[in-house]
Every structure is written in C-alpha cells, then in structure tokens.
Amino acid sequence: YFVEKMDLSDSFSKIRSAATSTEEIGNTVYPPIAKILDRL
C-alpha cells in the first residue's frame, strides 16, 4: 500500500509473505485481518 501510494513500485521487485509452519497452508487471510484490509 505504501509503495503504491508513494509511487515506489519501480524500486521493489517483490513484496510477499510466508509461514514457518505448515498449519495454514492454502488458507486465505484470516477474517479479522481481511476486514482491516477491506477498510483500506
């Protein structure tokens, strides 16, 4: 969000995320987190 709003996309190749565990593999963003991201 910051990178896009500040027009810095040319400075970043990848912004990603991952887990250390296998517990949630394949699951989507947890609903309360989704609610915050939806608000933005």
Full PDB file with SEQRES, HELIX, SHEET, SSBOND, CRYST1, ORIGX, SCALE, CONECT and MASTER records, all heavy atoms in Angstrom:
SEQRES   1 A   40  TYR PHE VAL GLU LYS MET ASP LEU SER ASP SER PHE SER          
SEQRES   2 A   40  LYS ILE ARG SER ALA ALA THR SER THR GLU GLU ILE GLY          
SEQRES   3 A   40  ASN THR VAL TYR PRO PRO ILE ALA LYS ILE LEU ASP ARG          
SEQRES   4 A   40  LEU                                                          
HELIX    1 AA1 PHE A    2  LYS A    5  1                                   4    
HELIX    2 AA2 SER A    9  SER A   11  5                                   3    
HELIX    3 AA3 PRO A   31  ARG A   39  1                                   9    
CRYST1    1.000    1.000    1.000  90.00  90.00  90.00 P 1           1          
ORIGX1      1.000000  0.000000  0.000000        0.00000                         
ORIGX2      0.000000  1.000000  0.000000        0.00000                         
ORIGX3      0.000000  0.000000  1.000000        0.00000                         
SCALE1      1.000000  0.000000  0.000000        0.00000                         
SCALE2      0.000000  1.000000  0.000000        0.00000                         
SCALE3      0.000000  0.000000  1.000000        0.00000                         
ATOM      1  N   TYR A   1       0.839  -1.197   0.000  1.00  0.00           N  
ATOM      2  CA  TYR A   1       0.000   0.000   0.000  1.00  0.00           C  
ATOM      3  C   TYR A   1       0.880   1.255   0.000  1.00  0.00           C  
ATOM      4  O   TYR A   1       0.688   2.159  -0.816  1.00  0.00           O  
ATOM      5  CB  TYR A   1      -0.914  -0.024   1.228  1.00  0.00           C  
ATOM      6  CG  TYR A   1      -1.841   1.148   1.361  1.00  0.00           C  
ATOM      7  CD1 TYR A   1      -3.096   1.141   0.755  1.00  0.00           C  
ATOM      8  CD2 TYR A   1      -1.479   2.270   2.104  1.00  0.00           C  
ATOM      9  CE1 TYR A   1      -3.963   2.210   0.889  1.00  0.00           C  
ATOM     10  CE2 TYR A   1      -2.338   3.346   2.245  1.00  0.00           C  
ATOM     11  CZ  TYR A   1      -3.582   3.316   1.632  1.00  0.00           C  
ATOM     12  OH  TYR A   1      -4.431   4.378   1.768  1.00  0.00           O  
ATOM     13  N   PHE A   2       1.851   1.307   0.922  1.00  0.00           N  
ATOM     14  CA  PHE A   2       2.760   2.449   0.975  1.00  0.00           C  
ATOM     15  C   PHE A   2       3.527   2.603  -0.339  1.00  0.00           C  
ATOM     16  O   PHE A   2       3.644   3.710  -0.867  1.00  0.00           O  
ATOM     17  CB  PHE A   2       3.760   2.305   2.126  1.00  0.00           C  
ATOM     18  CG  PHE A   2       3.238   2.712   3.469  1.00  0.00           C  
ATOM     19  CD1 PHE A   2       3.060   1.775   4.461  1.00  0.00           C  
ATOM     20  CD2 PHE A   2       2.947   4.039   3.756  1.00  0.00           C  
ATOM     21  CE1 PHE A   2       2.584   2.146   5.712  1.00  0.00           C  
ATOM     22  CE2 PHE A   2       2.479   4.427   4.996  1.00  0.00           C  
ATOM     23  CZ  PHE A   2       2.291   3.476   5.985  1.00  0.00           C  
ATOM     24  N   VAL A   3       4.051   1.510  -0.850  1.00  0.00           N  
ATOM     25  CA  VAL A   3       4.850   1.541  -2.079  1.00  0.00           C  
ATOM     26  C   VAL A   3       4.025   2.087  -3.244  1.00  0.00           C  
ATOM     27  O   VAL A   3       4.492   2.935  -4.011  1.00  0.00           O  
ATOM     28  CB  VAL A   3       5.430   0.144  -2.383  1.00  0.00           C  
ATOM     29  CG1 VAL A   3       5.958   0.042  -3.801  1.00  0.00           C  
ATOM     30  CG2 VAL A   3       6.518  -0.203  -1.368  1.00  0.00           C  
ATOM     31  N   GLU A   4       2.781   1.625  -3.354  1.00  0.00           N  
ATOM     32  CA  GLU A   4       1.921   2.098  -4.446  1.00  0.00           C  
ATOM     33  C   GLU A   4       1.554   3.568  -4.272  1.00  0.00           C  
ATOM     34  O   GLU A   4       1.642   4.351  -5.218  1.00  0.00           O  
ATOM     35  CB  GLU A   4       0.664   1.234  -4.527  1.00  0.00           C  
ATOM     36  CG  GLU A   4       0.943  -0.163  -5.046  1.00  0.00           C  
ATOM     37  CD  GLU A   4      -0.231  -1.119  -4.880  1.00  0.00           C  
ATOM     38  OE1 GLU A   4      -1.369  -0.652  -4.624  1.00  0.00           O  
ATOM     39  OE2 GLU A   4      -0.008  -2.335  -4.995  1.00  0.00           O  
ATOM     40  N   LYS A   5       1.150   3.950  -3.075  1.00  0.00           N  
ATOM     41  CA  LYS A   5       0.720   5.335  -2.834  1.00  0.00           C  
ATOM     42  C   LYS A   5       1.875   6.320  -2.966  1.00  0.00           C  
ATOM     43  O   LYS A   5       1.662   7.491  -3.290  1.00  0.00           O  
ATOM     44  CB  LYS A   5       0.079   5.481  -1.449  1.00  0.00           C  
ATOM     45  CG  LYS A   5      -1.191   4.692  -1.264  1.00  0.00           C  
ATOM     46  CD  LYS A   5      -2.301   5.230  -2.120  1.00  0.00           C  
ATOM     47  CE  LYS A   5      -3.586   4.463  -1.892  1.00  0.00           C  
ATOM     48  NZ  LYS A   5      -4.632   4.792  -2.834  1.00  0.00           N  
ATOM     49  N   MET A   6       3.096   5.864  -2.708  1.00  0.00           N  
ATOM     50  CA  MET A   6       4.272   6.734  -2.791  1.00  0.00           C  
ATOM     51  C   MET A   6       4.982   6.638  -4.140  1.00  0.00           C  
ATOM     52  O   MET A   6       6.046   7.203  -4.330  1.00  0.00           O  
ATOM     53  CB  MET A   6       5.243   6.386  -1.659  1.00  0.00           C  
ATOM     54  CG  MET A   6       4.655   6.671  -0.285  1.00  0.00           C  
ATOM     55  SD  MET A   6       5.686   6.048   1.045  1.00  0.00           S  
ATOM     56  CE  MET A   6       7.134   7.074   0.833  1.00  0.00           C  
ATOM     57  N   ASP A   7       4.373   5.877  -5.057  1.00  0.00           N  
ATOM     58  CA  ASP A   7       4.921   5.702  -6.406  1.00  0.00           C  
ATOM     59  C   ASP A   7       6.349   5.151  -6.370  1.00  0.00           C  
ATOM     60  O   ASP A   7       7.240   5.642  -7.058  1.00  0.00           O  
ATOM     61  CB  ASP A   7       4.857   7.024  -7.181  1.00  0.00           C  
ATOM     62  CG  ASP A   7       4.984   6.809  -8.678  1.00  0.00           C  
ATOM     63  OD1 ASP A   7       4.642   5.711  -9.163  1.00  0.00           O  
ATOM     64  OD2 ASP A   7       5.438   7.747  -9.369  1.00  0.00           O  
ATOM     65  N   LEU A   8       6.549   4.111  -5.543  1.00  0.00           N  
ATOM     66  CA  LEU A   8       7.858   3.472  -5.403  1.00  0.00           C  
ATOM     67  C   LEU A   8       7.914   2.084  -6.043  1.00  0.00           C  
ATOM     68  O   LEU A   8       8.865   1.342  -5.829  1.00  0.00           O  
ATOM     69  CB  LEU A   8       8.219   3.342  -3.912  1.00  0.00           C  
ATOM     70  CG  LEU A   8       8.471   4.633  -3.155  1.00  0.00           C  
ATOM     71  CD1 LEU A   8       8.598   4.352  -1.656  1.00  0.00           C  
ATOM     72  CD2 LEU A   8       9.714   5.320  -3.683  1.00  0.00           C  
ATOM     73  N   SER A   9       6.906   1.739  -6.823  1.00  0.00           N  
ATOM     74  CA  SER A   9       6.827   0.388  -7.394  1.00  0.00           C  
ATOM     75  C   SER A   9       8.059   0.013  -8.209  1.00  0.00           C  
ATOM     76  O   SER A   9       8.441  -1.155  -8.258  1.00  0.00           O  
ATOM     77  CB  SER A   9       5.567   0.235  -8.253  1.00  0.00           C  
ATOM     78  OG  SER A   9       4.428   0.371  -7.436  1.00  0.00           O  
ATOM     79  N   ASP A  10       8.700   0.990  -8.837  1.00  0.00           N  
ATOM     80  CA  ASP A  10       9.901   0.706  -9.630  1.00  0.00           C  
ATOM     81  C   ASP A  10      11.094   0.319  -8.755  1.00  0.00           C  
ATOM     82  O   ASP A  10      12.084  -0.198  -9.271  1.00  0.00           O  
ATOM     83  CB  ASP A  10      10.289   1.909 -10.488  1.00  0.00           C  
ATOM     84  CG  ASP A  10       9.301   2.146 -11.621  1.00  0.00           C  
ATOM     85  OD1 ASP A  10       8.494   1.230 -11.921  1.00  0.00           O  
ATOM     86  OD2 ASP A  10       9.324   3.243 -12.210  1.00  0.00           O  
ATOM     87  N   SER A  11      11.011   0.566  -7.457  1.00  0.00           N  
ATOM     88  CA  SER A  11      12.109   0.244  -6.539  1.00  0.00           C  
ATOM     89  C   SER A  11      11.969  -1.131  -5.896  1.00  0.00           C  
ATOM     90  O   SER A  11      12.912  -1.615  -5.277  1.00  0.00           O  
ATOM     91  CB  SER A  11      12.190   1.300  -5.427  1.00  0.00           C  
ATOM     92  OG  SER A  11      12.457   2.564  -5.974  1.00  0.00           O  
ATOM     93  N   PHE A  12      10.791  -1.738  -6.030  1.00  0.00           N  
ATOM     94  CA  PHE A  12      10.519  -3.035  -5.394  1.00  0.00           C  
ATOM     95  C   PHE A  12      10.158  -4.064  -6.452  1.00  0.00           C  
ATOM     96  O   PHE A  12       9.285  -3.831  -7.281  1.00  0.00           O  
ATOM     97  CB  PHE A  12       9.370  -2.906  -4.383  1.00  0.00           C  
ATOM     98  CG  PHE A  12       9.740  -2.128  -3.162  1.00  0.00           C  
ATOM     99  CD1 PHE A  12       9.708  -0.743  -3.168  1.00  0.00           C  
ATOM    100  CD2 PHE A  12      10.115  -2.781  -1.998  1.00  0.00           C  
ATOM    101  CE1 PHE A  12      10.057  -0.009  -2.050  1.00  0.00           C  
ATOM    102  CE2 PHE A  12      10.466  -2.062  -0.870  1.00  0.00           C  
ATOM    103  CZ  PHE A  12      10.443  -0.669  -0.892  1.00  0.00           C  
ATOM    104  N   SER A  13      10.837  -5.197  -6.401  1.00  0.00           N  
ATOM    105  CA  SER A  13      10.545  -6.282  -7.326  1.00  0.00           C  
ATOM    106  C   SER A  13       9.454  -7.184  -6.759  1.00  0.00           C  
ATOM    107  O   SER A  13       8.495  -7.517  -7.441  1.00  0.00           O  
ATOM    108  CB  SER A  13      11.812  -7.089  -7.593  1.00  0.00           C  
ATOM    109  OG  SER A  13      11.553  -8.151  -8.464  1.00  0.00           O  
ATOM    110  N   LYS A  14       9.617  -7.573  -5.476  1.00  0.00           N  
ATOM    111  CA  LYS A  14       8.648  -8.462  -4.839  1.00  0.00           C  
ATOM    112  C   LYS A  14       8.435  -8.042  -3.390  1.00  0.00           C  
ATOM    113  O   LYS A  14       9.387  -7.738  -2.676  1.00  0.00           O  
ATOM    114  CB  LYS A  14       9.149  -9.905  -4.823  1.00  0.00           C  
ATOM    115  CG  LYS A  14       9.200 -10.582  -6.144  1.00  0.00           C  
ATOM    116  CD  LYS A  14       9.634 -12.015  -5.945  1.00  0.00           C  
ATOM    117  CE  LYS A  14       9.926 -12.673  -7.281  1.00  0.00           C  
ATOM    118  NZ  LYS A  14      10.481 -13.995  -7.093  1.00  0.00           N  
ATOM    119  N   ILE A  15       7.173  -8.090  -2.984  1.00  0.00           N  
ATOM    120  CA  ILE A  15       6.796  -7.962  -1.584  1.00  0.00           C  
ATOM    121  C   ILE A  15       5.818  -9.099  -1.341  1.00  0.00           C  
ATOM    122  O   ILE A  15       4.712  -9.098  -1.881  1.00  0.00           O  
ATOM    123  CB  ILE A  15       6.134  -6.598  -1.278  1.00  0.00           C  
ATOM    124  CG1 ILE A  15       7.058  -5.448  -1.658  1.00  0.00           C  
ATOM    125  CG2 ILE A  15       5.729  -6.537   0.199  1.00  0.00           C  
ATOM    126  CD1 ILE A  15       6.393  -4.072  -1.604  1.00  0.00           C  
ATOM    127  N   ARG A  16       6.246 -10.081  -0.572  1.00  0.00           N  
ATOM    128  CA  ARG A  16       5.439 -11.285  -0.352  1.00  0.00           C  
ATOM    129  C   ARG A  16       5.464 -11.661   1.122  1.00  0.00           C  
ATOM    130  O   ARG A  16       6.120 -11.022   1.936  1.00  0.00           O  
ATOM    131  CB  ARG A  16       5.974 -12.459  -1.183  1.00  0.00           C  
ATOM    132  CG  ARG A  16       6.060 -12.218  -2.674  1.00  0.00           C  
ATOM    133  CD  ARG A  16       4.705 -12.310  -3.354  1.00  0.00           C  
ATOM    134  NE  ARG A  16       4.809 -12.324  -4.798  1.00  0.00           N  
ATOM    135  CZ  ARG A  16       4.952 -11.256  -5.572  1.00  0.00           C  
ATOM    136  NH1 ARG A  16       5.035 -10.072  -5.038  1.00  0.00           N  
ATOM    137  NH2 ARG A  16       5.024 -11.360  -6.884  1.00  0.00           N  
ATOM    138  N   SER A  17       4.795 -12.772   1.442  1.00  0.00           N  
ATOM    139  CA  SER A  17       4.792 -13.270   2.819  1.00  0.00           C  
ATOM    140  C   SER A  17       4.724 -14.793   2.821  1.00  0.00           C  
ATOM    141  O   SER A  17       4.298 -15.409   1.839  1.00  0.00           O  
ATOM    142  CB  SER A  17       3.617 -12.682   3.602  1.00  0.00           C  
ATOM    143  OG  SER A  17       2.381 -13.050   3.037  1.00  0.00           O  
ATOM    144  N   ALA A  18       5.147 -15.370   3.950  1.00  0.00           N  
ATOM    145  CA  ALA A  18       5.177 -16.824   4.093  1.00  0.00           C  
ATOM    146  C   ALA A  18       5.117 -17.195   5.572  1.00  0.00           C  
ATOM    147  O   ALA A  18       5.220 -16.327   6.447  1.00  0.00           O  
ATOM    148  CB  ALA A  18       6.447 -17.393   3.452  1.00  0.00           C  
ATOM    149  N   ALA A  19       4.977 -18.484   5.816  1.00  0.00           N  
ATOM    150  CA  ALA A  19       4.876 -19.020   7.178  1.00  0.00           C  
ATOM    151  C   ALA A  19       6.096 -19.859   7.510  1.00  0.00           C  
ATOM    152  O   ALA A  19       6.793 -20.353   6.620  1.00  0.00           O  
ATOM    153  CB  ALA A  19       3.631 -19.903   7.292  1.00  0.00           C  
ATOM    154  N   THR A  20       6.313 -20.045   8.805  1.00  0.00           N  
ATOM    155  CA  THR A  20       7.308 -21.028   9.224  1.00  0.00           C  
ATOM    156  C   THR A  20       6.652 -22.392   9.415  1.00  0.00           C  
ATOM    157  O   THR A  20       7.322 -23.409   9.331  1.00  0.00           O  
ATOM    158  CB  THR A  20       8.010 -20.610  10.535  1.00  0.00           C  
ATOM    159  OG1 THR A  20       7.037 -20.411  11.554  1.00  0.00           O  
ATOM    160  CG2 THR A  20       8.832 -19.349  10.332  1.00  0.00           C  
ATOM    161  N   SER A  21       5.349 -22.420   9.649  1.00  0.00           N  
ATOM    162  CA  SER A  21       4.652 -23.689   9.882  1.00  0.00           C  
ATOM    163  C   SER A  21       3.893 -24.133   8.623  1.00  0.00           C  
ATOM    164  O   SER A  21       3.795 -23.381   7.650  1.00  0.00           O  
ATOM    165  CB  SER A  21       3.657 -23.552  11.039  1.00  0.00           C  
ATOM    166  OG  SER A  21       2.484 -22.880  10.595  1.00  0.00           O  
ATOM    167  N   THR A  22       3.355 -25.318   8.691  1.00  0.00           N  
ATOM    168  CA  THR A  22       2.531 -25.832   7.588  1.00  0.00           C  
ATOM    169  C   THR A  22       1.046 -25.838   7.957  1.00  0.00           C  
ATOM    170  O   THR A  22       0.220 -26.253   7.151  1.00  0.00           O  
ATOM    171  CB  THR A  22       2.958 -27.274   7.223  1.00  0.00           C  
ATOM    172  OG1 THR A  22       2.807 -28.108   8.376  1.00  0.00           O  
ATOM    173  CG2 THR A  22       4.390 -27.313   6.729  1.00  0.00           C  
ATOM    174  N   GLU A  23       0.719 -25.355   9.129  1.00  0.00           N  
ATOM    175  CA  GLU A  23      -0.646 -25.456   9.661  1.00  0.00           C  
ATOM    176  C   GLU A  23      -1.723 -24.811   8.797  1.00  0.00           C  
ATOM    177  O   GLU A  23      -2.847 -25.305   8.743  1.00  0.00           O  
ATOM    178  CB  GLU A  23      -0.710 -24.835  11.060  1.00  0.00           C  
ATOM    179  CG  GLU A  23       0.083 -25.585  12.084  1.00  0.00           C  
ATOM    180  CD  GLU A  23       0.184 -24.824  13.397  1.00  0.00           C  
ATOM    181  OE1 GLU A  23      -0.738 -24.033  13.715  1.00  0.00           O  
ATOM    182  OE2 GLU A  23       1.183 -25.016  14.099  1.00  0.00           O  
ATOM    183  N   GLU A  24      -1.421 -23.703   8.176  1.00  0.00           N  
ATOM    184  CA  GLU A  24      -2.447 -22.938   7.459  1.00  0.00           C  
ATOM    185  C   GLU A  24      -2.253 -22.934   5.944  1.00  0.00           C  
ATOM    186  O   GLU A  24      -2.963 -22.203   5.244  1.00  0.00           O  
ATOM    187  CB  GLU A  24      -2.459 -21.488   7.967  1.00  0.00           C  
ATOM    188  CG  GLU A  24      -2.748 -21.342   9.437  1.00  0.00           C  
ATOM    189  CD  GLU A  24      -4.197 -21.620   9.811  1.00  0.00           C  
ATOM    190  OE1 GLU A  24      -5.060 -21.702   8.911  1.00  0.00           O  
ATOM    191  OE2 GLU A  24      -4.465 -21.767  11.019  1.00  0.00           O  
ATOM    192  N   ILE A  25      -1.333 -23.743   5.440  1.00  0.00           N  
ATOM    193  CA  ILE A  25      -1.026 -23.720   4.007  1.00  0.00           C  
ATOM    194  C   ILE A  25      -2.304 -23.846   3.173  1.00  0.00           C  
ATOM    195  O   ILE A  25      -3.139 -24.708   3.416  1.00  0.00           O  
ATOM    196  CB  ILE A  25      -0.009 -24.822   3.635  1.00  0.00           C  
ATOM    197  CG1 ILE A  25       1.350 -24.454   4.205  1.00  0.00           C  
ATOM    198  CG2 ILE A  25       0.086 -24.998   2.116  1.00  0.00           C  
ATOM    199  CD1 ILE A  25       2.439 -25.449   3.945  1.00  0.00           C  
ATOM    200  N   GLY A  26      -2.435 -22.928   2.219  1.00  0.00           N  
ATOM    201  CA  GLY A  26      -3.593 -22.914   1.331  1.00  0.00           C  
ATOM    202  C   GLY A  26      -4.757 -22.092   1.849  1.00  0.00           C  
ATOM    203  O   GLY A  26      -5.682 -21.784   1.084  1.00  0.00           O  
ATOM    204  N   ASN A  27      -4.730 -21.719   3.115  1.00  0.00           N  
ATOM    205  CA  ASN A  27      -5.823 -20.920   3.668  1.00  0.00           C  
ATOM    206  C   ASN A  27      -5.679 -19.454   3.283  1.00  0.00           C  
ATOM    207  O   ASN A  27      -4.588 -18.970   3.009  1.00  0.00           O  
ATOM    208  CB  ASN A  27      -5.881 -21.057   5.193  1.00  0.00           C  
ATOM    209  CG  ASN A  27      -6.351 -22.434   5.609  1.00  0.00           C  
ATOM    210  OD1 ASN A  27      -7.028 -23.126   4.866  1.00  0.00           O  
ATOM    211  ND2 ASN A  27      -5.992 -22.834   6.810  1.00  0.00           N  
ATOM    212  N   THR A  28      -6.798 -18.764   3.313  1.00  0.00           N  
ATOM    213  CA  THR A  28      -6.817 -17.349   2.965  1.00  0.00           C  
ATOM    214  C   THR A  28      -6.510 -16.503   4.203  1.00  0.00           C  
ATOM    215  O   THR A  28      -6.368 -17.029   5.301  1.00  0.00           O  
ATOM    216  CB  THR A  28      -8.196 -16.951   2.410  1.00  0.00           C  
ATOM    217  OG1 THR A  28      -9.189 -17.244   3.400  1.00  0.00           O  
ATOM    218  CG2 THR A  28      -8.513 -17.711   1.136  1.00  0.00           C  
ATOM    219  N   VAL A  29      -6.454 -15.213   3.993  1.00  0.00           N  
ATOM    220  CA  VAL A  29      -6.216 -14.260   5.071  1.00  0.00           C  
ATOM    221  C   VAL A  29      -7.330 -14.419   6.115  1.00  0.00           C  
ATOM    222  O   VAL A  29      -8.502 -14.542   5.778  1.00  0.00           O  
ATOM    223  CB  VAL A  29      -6.177 -12.827   4.500  1.00  0.00           C  
ATOM    224  CG1 VAL A  29      -6.129 -11.792   5.598  1.00  0.00           C  
ATOM    225  CG2 VAL A  29      -4.999 -12.665   3.542  1.00  0.00           C  
ATOM    226  N   TYR A  30      -6.927 -14.409   7.383  1.00  0.00           N  
ATOM    227  CA  TYR A  30      -7.862 -14.577   8.497  1.00  0.00           C  
ATOM    228  C   TYR A  30      -8.909 -13.449   8.474  1.00  0.00           C  
ATOM    229  O   TYR A  30      -8.554 -12.282   8.245  1.00  0.00           O  
ATOM    230  CB  TYR A  30      -7.064 -14.575   9.801  1.00  0.00           C  
ATOM    231  CG  TYR A  30      -7.811 -15.043  11.010  1.00  0.00           C  
ATOM    232  CD1 TYR A  30      -8.438 -16.285  11.035  1.00  0.00           C  
ATOM    233  CD2 TYR A  30      -7.888 -14.243  12.140  1.00  0.00           C  
ATOM    234  CE1 TYR A  30      -9.116 -16.726  12.158  1.00  0.00           C  
ATOM    235  CE2 TYR A  30      -8.554 -14.666  13.273  1.00  0.00           C  
ATOM    236  CZ  TYR A  30      -9.182 -15.906  13.269  1.00  0.00           C  
ATOM    237  OH  TYR A  30      -9.860 -16.327  14.381  1.00  0.00           O  
ATOM    238  N   PRO A  31     -10.200 -13.746   8.676  1.00  0.00           N  
ATOM    239  CA  PRO A  31     -11.267 -12.752   8.503  1.00  0.00           C  
ATOM    240  C   PRO A  31     -11.076 -11.405   9.206  1.00  0.00           C  
ATOM    241  O   PRO A  31     -11.334 -10.364   8.569  1.00  0.00           O  
ATOM    242  CB  PRO A  31     -12.516 -13.491   9.002  1.00  0.00           C  
ATOM    243  CG  PRO A  31     -12.227 -14.930   8.664  1.00  0.00           C  
ATOM    244  CD  PRO A  31     -10.743 -15.094   8.932  1.00  0.00           C  
ATOM    245  N   PRO A  32     -10.621 -11.342  10.466  1.00  0.00           N  
ATOM    246  CA  PRO A  32     -10.431 -10.006  11.048  1.00  0.00           C  
ATOM    247  C   PRO A  32      -9.338  -9.186  10.342  1.00  0.00           C  
ATOM    248  O   PRO A  32      -9.427  -7.956  10.284  1.00  0.00           O  
ATOM    249  CB  PRO A  32     -10.041 -10.294  12.501  1.00  0.00           C  
ATOM    250  CG  PRO A  32     -10.596 -11.654  12.782  1.00  0.00           C  
ATOM    251  CD  PRO A  32     -10.469 -12.389  11.491  1.00  0.00           C  
ATOM    252  N   ILE A  33      -8.343  -9.864   9.791  1.00  0.00           N  
ATOM    253  CA  ILE A  33      -7.303  -9.175   9.010  1.00  0.00           C  
ATOM    254  C   ILE A  33      -7.913  -8.699   7.690  1.00  0.00           C  
ATOM    255  O   ILE A  33      -7.677  -7.568   7.256  1.00  0.00           O  
ATOM    256  CB  ILE A  33      -6.088 -10.097   8.751  1.00  0.00           C  
ATOM    257  CG1 ILE A  33      -5.459 -10.576  10.064  1.00  0.00           C  
ATOM    258  CG2 ILE A  33      -5.072  -9.420   7.837  1.00  0.00           C  
ATOM    259  CD1 ILE A  33      -4.943  -9.498  10.976  1.00  0.00           C  
ATOM    260  N   ALA A  34      -8.711  -9.556   7.071  1.00  0.00           N  
ATOM    261  CA  ALA A  34      -9.388  -9.192   5.823  1.00  0.00           C  
ATOM    262  C   ALA A  34     -10.256  -7.956   6.026  1.00  0.00           C  
ATOM    263  O   ALA A  34     -10.300  -7.070   5.155  1.00  0.00           O  
ATOM    264  CB  ALA A  34     -10.225 -10.367   5.328  1.00  0.00           C  
ATOM    265  N   LYS A  35     -10.900  -7.854   7.166  1.00  0.00           N  
ATOM    266  CA  LYS A  35     -11.760  -6.703   7.469  1.00  0.00           C  
ATOM    267  C   LYS A  35     -10.949  -5.404   7.489  1.00  0.00           C  
ATOM    268  O   LYS A  35     -11.375  -4.385   6.952  1.00  0.00           O  
ATOM    269  CB  LYS A  35     -12.453  -6.933   8.810  1.00  0.00           C  
ATOM    270  CG  LYS A  35     -13.465  -5.903   9.167  1.00  0.00           C  
ATOM    271  CD  LYS A  35     -14.162  -6.297  10.476  1.00  0.00           C  
ATOM    272  CE  LYS A  35     -15.144  -5.247  10.900  1.00  0.00           C  
ATOM    273  NZ  LYS A  35     -15.794  -5.578  12.164  1.00  0.00           N  
ATOM    274  N   ILE A  36      -9.769  -5.447   8.087  1.00  0.00           N  
ATOM    275  CA  ILE A  36      -8.899  -4.264   8.125  1.00  0.00           C  
ATOM    276  C   ILE A  36      -8.431  -3.914   6.720  1.00  0.00           C  
ATOM    277  O   ILE A  36      -8.438  -2.753   6.314  1.00  0.00           O  
ATOM    278  CB  ILE A  36      -7.704  -4.492   9.077  1.00  0.00           C  
ATOM    279  CG1 ILE A  36      -8.203  -4.567  10.528  1.00  0.00           C  
ATOM    280  CG2 ILE A  36      -6.652  -3.400   8.908  1.00  0.00           C  
ATOM    281  CD1 ILE A  36      -7.165  -5.036  11.534  1.00  0.00           C  
ATOM    282  N   LEU A  37      -8.016  -4.917   5.951  1.00  0.00           N  
ATOM    283  CA  LEU A  37      -7.542  -4.665   4.587  1.00  0.00           C  
ATOM    284  C   LEU A  37      -8.678  -4.155   3.703  1.00  0.00           C  
ATOM    285  O   LEU A  37      -8.463  -3.281   2.854  1.00  0.00           O  
ATOM    286  CB  LEU A  37      -6.906  -5.930   4.010  1.00  0.00           C  
ATOM    287  CG  LEU A  37      -5.640  -6.405   4.726  1.00  0.00           C  
ATOM    288  CD1 LEU A  37      -5.176  -7.738   4.157  1.00  0.00           C  
ATOM    289  CD2 LEU A  37      -4.537  -5.368   4.681  1.00  0.00           C  
ATOM    290  N   ASP A  38      -9.892  -4.679   3.913  1.00  0.00           N  
ATOM    291  CA  ASP A  38     -11.059  -4.179   3.165  1.00  0.00           C  
ATOM    292  C   ASP A  38     -11.288  -2.699   3.445  1.00  0.00           C  
ATOM    293  O   ASP A  38     -11.591  -1.924   2.534  1.00  0.00           O  
ATOM    294  CB  ASP A  38     -12.323  -4.964   3.542  1.00  0.00           C  
ATOM    295  CG  ASP A  38     -12.374  -6.353   2.921  1.00  0.00           C  
ATOM    296  OD1 ASP A  38     -11.686  -6.591   1.902  1.00  0.00           O  
ATOM    297  OD2 ASP A  38     -13.100  -7.201   3.467  1.00  0.00           O  
ATOM    298  N   ARG A  39     -11.142  -2.302   4.700  1.00  0.00           N  
ATOM    299  CA  ARG A  39     -11.332  -0.911   5.092  1.00  0.00           C  
ATOM    300  C   ARG A  39     -10.361   0.005   4.331  1.00  0.00           C  
ATOM    301  O   ARG A  39     -10.685   1.139   4.009  1.00  0.00           O  
ATOM    302  CB  ARG A  39     -11.119  -0.788   6.600  1.00  0.00           C  
ATOM    303  CG  ARG A  39     -11.357   0.599   7.147  1.00  0.00           C  
ATOM    304  CD  ARG A  39     -11.177   0.655   8.650  1.00  0.00           C  
ATOM    305  NE  ARG A  39      -9.758   0.615   8.979  1.00  0.00           N  
ATOM    306  CZ  ARG A  39      -9.239  -0.015  10.025  1.00  0.00           C  
ATOM    307  NH1 ARG A  39      -9.997  -0.681  10.863  1.00  0.00           N  
ATOM    308  NH2 ARG A  39      -7.937   0.012  10.249  1.00  0.00           N  
ATOM    309  N   LEU A  40      -9.174  -0.508   4.051  1.00  0.00           N  
ATOM    310  CA  LEU A  40      -8.162   0.259   3.320  1.00  0.00           C  
ATOM    311  C   LEU A  40      -8.281   0.091   1.811  1.00  0.00           C  
ATOM    312  O   LEU A  40      -7.482   0.630   1.054  1.00  0.00           O  
ATOM    313  CB  LEU A  40      -6.762  -0.166   3.773  1.00  0.00           C  
ATOM    314  CG  LEU A  40      -6.454   0.063   5.243  1.00  0.00           C  
ATOM    315  CD1 LEU A  40      -5.126  -0.578   5.608  1.00  0.00           C  
ATOM    316  CD2 LEU A  40      -6.442   1.546   5.552  1.00  0.00           C  
TER     317      LEU A  40                                                      
MASTER        0    0    0    3    0    0    0    6  316    1    0    4          
END                                                                             
